[in-house]
Amino acid sequence: MLLDVTGWPPLEVVDGPLLMSEHGAFGPGDRSDYAPAEPGSGLGAGDVGRVVWQGDVP
């Protein structure tokens, strides 16, 4: 999934977004937490702006 972060504050892009989700663990309206990929994780680490899913929050 791609997300256009044009115009987002730099700190929010670096820290990772908390996005509304319709398909998360807590049902419609919950949020999915994403964080920057760790270097060496094999999950696209090193790519500026690459984030990985951390979990769902109500």
C-alpha atoms as a PDB file:
ATOM      1  CA  MET A   1       0.000   0.000   0.000  1.00  0.00           C
ATOM      2  CA  LEU A   2       1.301   3.450  -0.840  1.00  0.00           C
ATOM      3  CA  LEU A   3       0.551   6.603   1.110  1.00  0.00           C
ATOM      4  CA  ASP A   4       1.143  10.095  -0.224  1.00  0.00           C
ATOM      5  CA  VAL A   5       2.897  12.022   2.553  1.00  0.00           C
ATOM      6  CA  THR A   6       3.360  15.192   0.498  1.00  0.00           C
ATOM      7  CA  GLY A   7       2.978  18.149   2.831  1.00  0.00           C
ATOM      8  CA  TRP A   8       3.269  16.115   6.048  1.00  0.00           C
ATOM      9  CA  PRO A   9       5.534  17.551   8.770  1.00  0.00           C
ATOM     10  CA  PRO A  10       9.006  15.913   8.552  1.00  0.00           C
ATOM     11  CA  LEU A  11       8.803  14.592  12.129  1.00  0.00           C
ATOM     12  CA  GLU A  12       5.576  12.700  11.390  1.00  0.00           C
ATOM     13  CA  VAL A  13       7.125  11.096   8.308  1.00  0.00           C
ATOM     14  CA  VAL A  14      10.254  10.026  10.241  1.00  0.00           C
ATOM     15  CA  ASP A  15       8.397   8.766  13.347  1.00  0.00           C
ATOM     16  CA  GLY A  16       5.822   6.818  11.342  1.00  0.00           C
ATOM     17  CA  PRO A  17       2.121   7.441  10.903  1.00  0.00           C
ATOM     18  CA  LEU A  18      -0.867   6.278  12.950  1.00  0.00           C
ATOM     19  CA  LEU A  19      -3.483   5.605  10.263  1.00  0.00           C
ATOM     20  CA  MET A  20      -7.234   5.011  10.461  1.00  0.00           C
ATOM     21  CA  SER A  21      -8.165   1.486   9.382  1.00  0.00           C
ATOM     22  CA  GLU A  22     -11.386  -0.278   8.452  1.00  0.00           C
ATOM     23  CA  HIS A  23      -9.848  -3.759   8.710  1.00  0.00           C
ATOM     24  CA  GLY A  24      -7.838  -3.705  11.942  1.00  0.00           C
ATOM     25  CA  ALA A  25      -8.050  -5.878  15.042  1.00  0.00           C
ATOM     26  CA  PHE A  26     -10.472  -3.456  16.738  1.00  0.00           C
ATOM     27  CA  GLY A  27     -12.905  -3.073  13.850  1.00  0.00           C
ATOM     28  CA  PRO A  28     -13.801  -0.056  11.732  1.00  0.00           C
ATOM     29  CA  GLY A  29     -12.373   3.218  13.003  1.00  0.00           C
ATOM     30  CA  ASP A  30      -9.358   1.767  14.808  1.00  0.00           C
ATOM     31  CA  ARG A  31      -5.809   2.854  13.996  1.00  0.00           C
ATOM     32  CA  SER A  32      -2.811   0.973  12.635  1.00  0.00           C
ATOM     33  CA  ASP A  33       0.590   2.032  13.948  1.00  0.00           C
ATOM     34  CA  TYR A  34       3.562   2.146  11.586  1.00  0.00           C
ATOM     35  CA  ALA A  35       7.202   2.838  12.430  1.00  0.00           C
ATOM     36  CA  PRO A  36      10.388   3.284  10.378  1.00  0.00           C
ATOM     37  CA  ALA A  37      11.990   0.015   9.244  1.00  0.00           C
ATOM     38  CA  GLU A  38      15.050  -0.904  11.310  1.00  0.00           C
ATOM     39  CA  PRO A  39      18.400  -1.050   9.475  1.00  0.00           C
ATOM     40  CA  GLY A  40      19.309  -4.647   8.656  1.00  0.00           C
ATOM     41  CA  SER A  41      15.769  -5.949   9.134  1.00  0.00           C
ATOM     42  CA  GLY A  42      15.352  -6.906   5.486  1.00  0.00           C
ATOM     43  CA  LEU A  43      12.068  -4.970   5.399  1.00  0.00           C
ATOM     44  CA  GLY A  44      13.238  -2.176   3.144  1.00  0.00           C
ATOM     45  CA  ALA A  45      15.471  -0.638   5.799  1.00  0.00           C
ATOM     46  CA  GLY A  46      17.612   2.158   4.518  1.00  0.00           C
ATOM     47  CA  ASP A  47      14.918   3.454   2.194  1.00  0.00           C
ATOM     48  CA  VAL A  48      13.941   6.906   3.395  1.00  0.00           C
ATOM     49  CA  GLY A  49      10.286   6.897   4.377  1.00  0.00           C
ATOM     50  CA  ARG A  50       9.913   3.069   4.465  1.00  0.00           C
ATOM     51  CA  VAL A  51       7.685   2.057   7.381  1.00  0.00           C
ATOM     52  CA  VAL A  52       6.466  -1.292   8.721  1.00  0.00           C
ATOM     53  CA  TRP A  53       3.294  -2.198  10.592  1.00  0.00           C
ATOM     54  CA  GLN A  54       3.731  -2.329  14.390  1.00  0.00           C
ATOM     55  CA  GLY A  55       0.197  -3.193  15.525  1.00  0.00           C
ATOM     56  CA  ASP A  56      -3.365  -1.977  15.888  1.00  0.00           C
ATOM     57  CA  VAL A  57      -4.677   0.340  18.607  1.00  0.00           C
ATOM     58  CA  PRO A  58      -8.319   1.107  19.499  1.00  0.00           C
END
